PDB file of N, CA and C in Angstrom:
ATOM      1  N   UNK A   1       0.822  -1.194   0.000  1.00  0.00           N
ATOM      2  CA  UNK A   1       0.000   0.000   0.000  1.00  0.00           C
ATOM      3  C   UNK A   1       0.869   1.262   0.000  1.00  0.00           C
ATOM      4  N   UNK A   2       1.966   1.244   0.767  1.00  0.00           N
ATOM      5  CA  UNK A   2       2.867   2.382   0.824  1.00  0.00           C
ATOM      6  C   UNK A   2       3.487   2.652  -0.549  1.00  0.00           C
ATOM      7  N   UNK A   3       3.852   1.594  -1.240  1.00  0.00           N
ATOM      8  CA  UNK A   3       4.438   1.728  -2.568  1.00  0.00           C
ATOM      9  C   UNK A   3       3.431   2.334  -3.536  1.00  0.00           C
ATOM     10  N   UNK A   4       2.181   1.907  -3.444  1.00  0.00           N
ATOM     11  CA  UNK A   4       1.137   2.449  -4.313  1.00  0.00           C
ATOM     12  C   UNK A   4       0.968   3.946  -4.090  1.00  0.00           C
ATOM     13  N   UNK A   5       0.944   4.380  -2.827  1.00  0.00           N
ATOM     14  CA  UNK A   5       0.815   5.808  -2.525  1.00  0.00           C
ATOM     15  C   UNK A   5       2.003   6.607  -3.043  1.00  0.00           C
ATOM     16  N   UNK A   6       3.196   6.032  -2.942  1.00  0.00           N
ATOM     17  CA  UNK A   6       4.399   6.703  -3.436  1.00  0.00           C
ATOM     18  C   UNK A   6       4.339   6.874  -4.949  1.00  0.00           C
ATOM     19  N   UNK A   7       3.957   5.829  -5.642  1.00  0.00           N
ATOM     20  CA  UNK A   7       3.855   5.895  -7.106  1.00  0.00           C
ATOM     21  C   UNK A   7       2.774   6.880  -7.526  1.00  0.00           C
ATOM     22  N   UNK A   8       1.654   6.867  -6.824  1.00  0.00           N
ATOM     23  CA  UNK A   8       0.568   7.796  -7.132  1.00  0.00           C
ATOM     24  C   UNK A   8       1.030   9.243  -6.946  1.00  0.00           C
ATOM     25  N   UNK A   9       1.753   9.523  -5.862  1.00  0.00           N
ATOM     26  CA  UNK A   9       2.259  10.870  -5.617  1.00  0.00           C
ATOM     27  C   UNK A   9       3.189  11.301  -6.744  1.00  0.00           C
ATOM     28  N   UNK A  10       4.081  10.417  -7.120  1.00  0.00           N
ATOM     29  CA  UNK A  10       5.055  10.741  -8.166  1.00  0.00           C
ATOM     30  C   UNK A  10       4.355  11.031  -9.500  1.00  0.00           C
ATOM     31  N   UNK A  11       3.324  10.274  -9.814  1.00  0.00           N
ATOM     32  CA  UNK A  11       2.663  10.412 -11.110  1.00  0.00           C
ATOM     33  C   UNK A  11       1.613  11.513 -11.162  1.00  0.00           C
ATOM     34  N   UNK A  12       1.102  11.928 -10.020  1.00  0.00           N
ATOM     35  CA  UNK A  12      -0.015  12.874 -10.032  1.00  0.00           C
ATOM     36  C   UNK A  12       0.287  14.203  -9.344  1.00  0.00           C
ATOM     37  N   UNK A  13       1.529  14.473  -9.050  1.00  0.00           N
ATOM     38  CA  UNK A  13       1.883  15.707  -8.341  1.00  0.00           C
ATOM     39  C   UNK A  13       1.512  16.924  -9.189  1.00  0.00           C
ATOM     40  N   UNK A  14       0.760  17.828  -8.587  1.00  0.00           N
ATOM     41  CA  UNK A  14       0.359  19.060  -9.258  1.00  0.00           C
ATOM     42  C   UNK A  14       1.201  20.213  -8.732  1.00  0.00           C
ATOM     43  N   UNK A  15       1.123  21.333  -9.424  1.00  0.00           N
ATOM     44  CA  UNK A  15       1.931  22.507  -9.062  1.00  0.00           C
ATOM     45  C   UNK A  15       1.687  22.960  -7.633  1.00  0.00           C
ATOM     46  N   UNK A  16       0.454  22.966  -7.195  1.00  0.00           N
ATOM     47  CA  UNK A  16       0.136  23.400  -5.833  1.00  0.00           C
ATOM     48  C   UNK A  16       0.861  22.539  -4.802  1.00  0.00           C
ATOM     49  N   UNK A  17       0.801  21.228  -4.998  1.00  0.00           N
ATOM     50  CA  UNK A  17       1.478  20.319  -4.075  1.00  0.00           C
ATOM     51  C   UNK A  17       2.997  20.426  -4.209  1.00  0.00           C
ATOM     52  N   UNK A  18       3.467  20.576  -5.433  1.00  0.00           N
ATOM     53  CA  UNK A  18       4.897  20.687  -5.667  1.00  0.00           C
ATOM     54  C   UNK A  18       5.466  21.926  -4.977  1.00  0.00           C
ATOM     55  N   UNK A  19       4.799  23.061  -5.117  1.00  0.00           N
ATOM     56  CA  UNK A  19       5.293  24.281  -4.494  1.00  0.00           C
ATOM     57  C   UNK A  19       5.275  24.171  -2.973  1.00  0.00           C
ATOM     58  N   UNK A  20       4.274  23.497  -2.429  1.00  0.00           N
ATOM     59  CA  UNK A  20       4.227  23.269  -0.979  1.00  0.00           C
ATOM     60  C   UNK A  20       5.403  22.416  -0.538  1.00  0.00           C
ATOM     61  N   UNK A  21       5.682  21.364  -1.279  1.00  0.00           N
ATOM     62  CA  UNK A  21       6.796  20.480  -0.919  1.00  0.00           C
ATOM     63  C   UNK A  21       8.150  21.167  -1.089  1.00  0.00           C
ATOM     64  N   UNK A  22       8.283  21.979  -2.126  1.00  0.00           N
ATOM     65  CA  UNK A  22       9.538  22.724  -2.324  1.00  0.00           C
ATOM     66  C   UNK A  22       9.771  23.637  -1.118  1.00  0.00           C
ATOM     67  N   UNK A  23       8.720  24.281  -0.663  1.00  0.00           N
ATOM     68  CA  UNK A  23       8.832  25.157   0.499  1.00  0.00           C
ATOM     69  C   UNK A  23       9.116  24.349   1.772  1.00  0.00           C
ATOM     70  N   UNK A  24       8.423  23.250   1.958  1.00  0.00           N
ATOM     71  CA  UNK A  24       8.631  22.417   3.141  1.00  0.00           C
ATOM     72  C   UNK A  24      10.037  21.824   3.190  1.00  0.00           C
ATOM     73  N   UNK A  25      10.619  21.601   2.028  1.00  0.00           N
ATOM     74  CA  UNK A  25      11.966  21.021   1.975  1.00  0.00           C
ATOM     75  C   UNK A  25      13.005  21.936   2.611  1.00  0.00           C
ATOM     76  N   UNK A  26      12.683  23.217   2.744  1.00  0.00           N
ATOM     77  CA  UNK A  26      13.593  24.140   3.416  1.00  0.00           C
ATOM     78  C   UNK A  26      13.614  23.908   4.920  1.00  0.00           C
ATOM     79  N   UNK A  27      12.532  23.334   5.455  1.00  0.00           N
ATOM     80  CA  UNK A  27      12.392  23.153   6.895  1.00  0.00           C
ATOM     81  C   UNK A  27      12.529  21.710   7.370  1.00  0.00           C
ATOM     82  N   UNK A  28      12.315  20.771   6.472  1.00  0.00           N
ATOM     83  CA  UNK A  28      12.373  19.360   6.869  1.00  0.00           C
ATOM     84  C   UNK A  28      12.871  18.511   5.716  1.00  0.00           C
ATOM     85  N   UNK A  29      13.305  17.301   6.051  1.00  0.00           N
ATOM     86  CA  UNK A  29      13.707  16.352   5.013  1.00  0.00           C
ATOM     87  C   UNK A  29      12.456  15.730   4.416  1.00  0.00           C
ATOM     88  N   UNK A  30      12.359  15.774   3.097  1.00  0.00           N
ATOM     89  CA  UNK A  30      11.227  15.137   2.434  1.00  0.00           C
ATOM     90  C   UNK A  30      11.433  13.632   2.387  1.00  0.00           C
ATOM     91  N   UNK A  31      10.333  12.907   2.308  1.00  0.00           N
ATOM     92  CA  UNK A  31      10.430  11.452   2.163  1.00  0.00           C
ATOM     93  C   UNK A  31      10.981  11.125   0.783  1.00  0.00           C
ATOM     94  N   UNK A  32      11.374   9.895   0.612  1.00  0.00           N
ATOM     95  CA  UNK A  32      11.921   9.443  -0.667  1.00  0.00           C
ATOM     96  C   UNK A  32      10.940   9.712  -1.804  1.00  0.00           C
ATOM     97  N   UNK A  33       9.680   9.343  -1.627  1.00  0.00           N
ATOM     98  CA  UNK A  33       8.690   9.528  -2.696  1.00  0.00           C
ATOM     99  C   UNK A  33       8.406  11.009  -2.934  1.00  0.00           C
ATOM    100  N   UNK A  34       8.396  11.826  -1.877  1.00  0.00           N
ATOM    101  CA  UNK A  34       8.199  13.262  -2.052  1.00  0.00           C
ATOM    102  C   UNK A  34       9.343  13.877  -2.851  1.00  0.00           C
ATOM    103  N   UNK A  35      10.577  13.492  -2.508  1.00  0.00           N
ATOM    104  CA  UNK A  35      11.736  14.014  -3.245  1.00  0.00           C
ATOM    105  C   UNK A  35      11.662  13.668  -4.718  1.00  0.00           C
ATOM    106  N   UNK A  36      11.347  12.419  -5.025  1.00  0.00           N
ATOM    107  CA  UNK A  36      11.288  12.004  -6.417  1.00  0.00           C
ATOM    108  C   UNK A  36      10.129  12.653  -7.153  1.00  0.00           C
ATOM    109  N   UNK A  37       8.997  12.799  -6.480  1.00  0.00           N
ATOM    110  CA  UNK A  37       7.849  13.451  -7.114  1.00  0.00           C
ATOM    111  C   UNK A  37       8.200  14.891  -7.480  1.00  0.00           C
ATOM    112  N   UNK A  38       8.846  15.605  -6.564  1.00  0.00           N
ATOM    113  CA  UNK A  38       9.235  16.988  -6.825  1.00  0.00           C
ATOM    114  C   UNK A  38      10.281  17.041  -7.932  1.00  0.00           C
ATOM    115  N   UNK A  39      11.277  16.182  -7.871  1.00  0.00           N
ATOM    116  CA  UNK A  39      12.321  16.180  -8.905  1.00  0.00           C
ATOM    117  C   UNK A  39      11.733  15.980 -10.294  1.00  0.00           C
ATOM    118  N   UNK A  40      10.847  15.006 -10.422  1.00  0.00           N
ATOM    119  CA  UNK A  40      10.245  14.736 -11.731  1.00  0.00           C
ATOM    120  C   UNK A  40       9.355  15.895 -12.165  1.00  0.00           C
ATOM    121  N   UNK A  41       8.617  16.464 -11.218  1.00  0.00           N
ATOM    122  CA  UNK A  41       7.753  17.590 -11.555  1.00  0.00           C
ATOM    123  C   UNK A  41       8.583  18.787 -12.026  1.00  0.00           C
ATOM    124  N   UNK A  42       9.691  19.037 -11.353  1.00  0.00           N
ATOM    125  CA  UNK A  42      10.537  20.169 -11.723  1.00  0.00           C
ATOM    126  C   UNK A  42      11.159  19.998 -13.111  1.00  0.00           C
ATOM    127  N   UNK A  43      11.280  18.770 -13.556  1.00  0.00           N
ATOM    128  CA  UNK A  43      11.826  18.518 -14.893  1.00  0.00           C
ATOM    129  C   UNK A  43      10.870  18.969 -15.993  1.00  0.00           C
ATOM    130  N   UNK A  44       9.568  19.025 -15.678  1.00  0.00           N
ATOM    131  CA  UNK A  44       8.593  19.368 -16.715  1.00  0.00           C
ATOM    132  C   UNK A  44       7.865  20.687 -16.460  1.00  0.00           C
ATOM    133  N   UNK A  45       8.095  21.301 -15.306  1.00  0.00           N
ATOM    134  CA  UNK A  45       7.347  22.509 -14.961  1.00  0.00           C
ATOM    135  C   UNK A  45       8.299  23.682 -14.688  1.00  0.00           C
ATOM    136  N   UNK A  46       8.364  24.596 -15.633  1.00  0.00           N
ATOM    137  CA  UNK A  46       9.256  25.744 -15.501  1.00  0.00           C
ATOM    138  C   UNK A  46       8.831  26.669 -14.363  1.00  0.00           C
ATOM    139  N   UNK A  47       7.545  26.794 -14.113  1.00  0.00           N
ATOM    140  CA  UNK A  47       7.066  27.682 -13.048  1.00  0.00           C
ATOM    141  C   UNK A  47       7.503  27.196 -11.675  1.00  0.00           C
ATOM    142  N   UNK A  48       7.359  25.928 -11.421  1.00  0.00           N
ATOM    143  CA  UNK A  48       7.769  25.377 -10.120  1.00  0.00           C
ATOM    144  C   UNK A  48       9.283  25.396  -9.977  1.00  0.00           C
ATOM    145  N   UNK A  49       9.990  25.175 -11.057  1.00  0.00           N
ATOM    146  CA  UNK A  49      11.449  25.245 -11.015  1.00  0.00           C
ATOM    147  C   UNK A  49      11.892  26.676 -10.690  1.00  0.00           C
ATOM    148  N   UNK A  50      11.219  27.653 -11.282  1.00  0.00           N
ATOM    149  CA  UNK A  50      11.517  29.059 -11.000  1.00  0.00           C
ATOM    150  C   UNK A  50      11.264  29.364  -9.518  1.00  0.00           C
ATOM    151  N   UNK A  51      10.163  28.851  -8.973  1.00  0.00           N
ATOM    152  CA  UNK A  51       9.864  29.045  -7.554  1.00  0.00           C
ATOM    153  C   UNK A  51      10.966  28.457  -6.689  1.00  0.00           C
ATOM    154  N   UNK A  52      11.431  27.259  -7.034  1.00  0.00           N
ATOM    155  CA  UNK A  52      12.507  26.636  -6.263  1.00  0.00           C
ATOM    156  C   UNK A  52      13.760  27.497  -6.291  1.00  0.00           C
ATOM    157  N   UNK A  53      14.124  28.006  -7.456  1.00  0.00           N
ATOM    158  CA  UNK A  53      15.308  28.863  -7.574  1.00  0.00           C
ATOM    159  C   UNK A  53      15.137  30.151  -6.762  1.00  0.00           C
ATOM    160  N   UNK A  54      13.934  30.713  -6.783  1.00  0.00           N
ATOM    161  CA  UNK A  54      13.676  31.925  -6.012  1.00  0.00           C
ATOM    162  C   UNK A  54      13.791  31.667  -4.511  1.00  0.00           C
ATOM    163  N   UNK A  55      13.233  30.565  -4.042  1.00  0.00           N
ATOM    164  CA  UNK A  55      13.327  30.229  -2.616  1.00  0.00           C
ATOM    165  C   UNK A  55      14.774  29.953  -2.214  1.00  0.00           C
ATOM    166  N   UNK A  56      15.517  29.299  -3.083  1.00  0.00           N
ATOM    167  CA  UNK A  56      16.941  29.061  -2.805  1.00  0.00           C
ATOM    168  C   UNK A  56      17.697  30.375  -2.698  1.00  0.00           C
ATOM    169  N   UNK A  57      17.403  31.305  -3.596  1.00  0.00           N
ATOM    170  CA  UNK A  57      18.058  32.608  -3.583  1.00  0.00           C
ATOM    171  C   UNK A  57      17.716  33.385  -2.310  1.00  0.00           C
ATOM    172  N   UNK A  58      16.459  33.359  -1.916  1.00  0.00           N
ATOM    173  CA  UNK A  58      16.042  34.040  -0.682  1.00  0.00           C
ATOM    174  C   UNK A  58      16.741  33.434   0.525  1.00  0.00           C
ATOM    175  N   UNK A  59      16.834  32.110   0.561  1.00  0.00           N
ATOM    176  CA  UNK A  59      17.492  31.436   1.682  1.00  0.00           C
ATOM    177  C   UNK A  59      18.964  31.829   1.759  1.00  0.00           C
ATOM    178  N   UNK A  60      19.640  31.862   0.630  1.00  0.00           N
ATOM    179  CA  UNK A  60      21.053  32.239   0.602  1.00  0.00           C
ATOM    180  C   UNK A  60      21.210  33.699   1.023  1.00  0.00           C
ATOM    181  N   UNK A  61      20.364  34.577   0.490  1.00  0.00           N
ATOM    182  CA  UNK A  61      20.448  36.001   0.829  1.00  0.00           C
ATOM    183  C   UNK A  61      20.171  36.217   2.316  1.00  0.00           C
ATOM    184  N   UNK A  62      19.197  35.535   2.851  1.00  0.00           N
ATOM    185  CA  UNK A  62      18.877  35.674   4.272  1.00  0.00           C
ATOM    186  C   UNK A  62      20.010  35.146   5.134  1.00  0.00           C
ATOM    187  N   UNK A  63      20.641  34.090   4.695  1.00  0.00           N
ATOM    188  CA  UNK A  63      21.770  33.536   5.448  1.00  0.00           C
ATOM    189  C   UNK A  63      22.948  34.478   5.451  1.00  0.00           C
ATOM    190  N   UNK A  64      23.222  35.105   4.314  1.00  0.00           N
ATOM    191  CA  UNK A  64      24.333  36.052   4.245  1.00  0.00           C
ATOM    192  C   UNK A  64      24.043  37.279   5.085  1.00  0.00           C
ATOM    193  N   UNK A  65      22.821  37.751   5.065  1.00  0.00           N
ATOM    194  CA  UNK A  65      22.444  38.916   5.858  1.00  0.00           C
ATOM    195  C   UNK A  65      22.556  38.596   7.338  1.00  0.00           C
ATOM    196  N   UNK A  66      22.087  37.426   7.729  1.00  0.00           N
ATOM    197  CA  UNK A  66      22.133  37.045   9.142  1.00  0.00           C
ATOM    198  C   UNK A  66      23.577  36.928   9.618  1.00  0.00           C
ATOM    199  N   UNK A  67      24.471  36.485   8.754  1.00  0.00           N
ATOM    200  CA  UNK A  67      25.869  36.335   9.142  1.00  0.00           C
ATOM    201  C   UNK A  67      26.603  37.673   9.196  1.00  0.00           C
ATOM    202  N   UNK A  68      26.222  38.624   8.348  1.00  0.00           N
ATOM    203  CA  UNK A  68      26.989  39.859   8.246  1.00  0.00           C
ATOM    204  C   UNK A  68      26.459  40.990   9.120  1.00  0.00           C
ATOM    205  N   UNK A  69      25.179  40.980   9.467  1.00  0.00           N
ATOM    206  CA  UNK A  69      24.599  42.055  10.272  1.00  0.00           C
ATOM    207  C   UNK A  69      24.578  41.679  11.746  1.00  0.00           C
ATOM    208  N   UNK A  70      24.844  42.632  12.617  1.00  0.00           N
ATOM    209  CA  UNK A  70      24.698  42.354  14.041  1.00  0.00           C
ATOM    210  C   UNK A  70      23.217  42.208  14.377  1.00  0.00           C
ATOM    211  N   UNK A  71      22.881  41.554  15.467  1.00  0.00           N
ATOM    212  CA  UNK A  71      21.474  41.406  15.837  1.00  0.00           C
ATOM    213  C   UNK A  71      20.797  42.769  15.957  1.00  0.00           C
ATOM    214  N   UNK A  72      19.513  42.816  15.691  1.00  0.00           N
ATOM    215  CA  UNK A  72      18.749  44.050  15.685  1.00  0.00           C
ATOM    216  C   UNK A  72      18.828  44.772  17.017  1.00  0.00           C
ATOM    217  N   UNK A  73      18.813  44.054  18.126  1.00  0.00           N
ATOM    218  CA  UNK A  73      18.828  44.691  19.440  1.00  0.00           C
ATOM    219  C   UNK A  73      20.114  45.462  19.645  1.00  0.00           C
ATOM    220  N   UNK A  74      21.226  45.002  19.102  1.00  0.00           N
ATOM    221  CA  UNK A  74      22.496  45.709  19.250  1.00  0.00           C
ATOM    222  C   UNK A  74      22.559  46.942  18.377  1.00  0.00           C
ATOM    223  N   UNK A  75      21.895  46.901  17.225  1.00  0.00           N
ATOM    224  CA  UNK A  75      21.924  48.045  16.329  1.00  0.00           C
ATOM    225  C   UNK A  75      21.052  49.189  16.844  1.00  0.00           C
ATOM    226  N   UNK A  76      20.066  48.867  17.664  1.00  0.00           N
ATOM    227  CA  UNK A  76      19.157  49.896  18.165  1.00  0.00           C
ATOM    228  C   UNK A  76      19.677  50.573  19.420  1.00  0.00           C
ATOM    229  N   UNK A  77      20.615  49.986  20.118  1.00  0.00           N
ATOM    230  CA  UNK A  77      21.081  50.597  21.375  1.00  0.00           C
ATOM    231  C   UNK A  77      22.205  51.560  21.187  1.00  0.00           C
TER     232      UNK A  77
END
């Protein structure tokens, strides 16, 4: 039954679900079937791939800002 659900997810993943999983992947490890479903979807969907690249860019930019700026409380005092 688990295998059937995994195959169904991989074959029927829609943009709404894909974008949710791309976003969730920033906070948690996706399951094997979720990872493969997203990977295959990104191969055929330019919009979702663009969203993934944008989220990656935001994450990198936020990480660089967090590393280079002092905490807000120190800047205000």
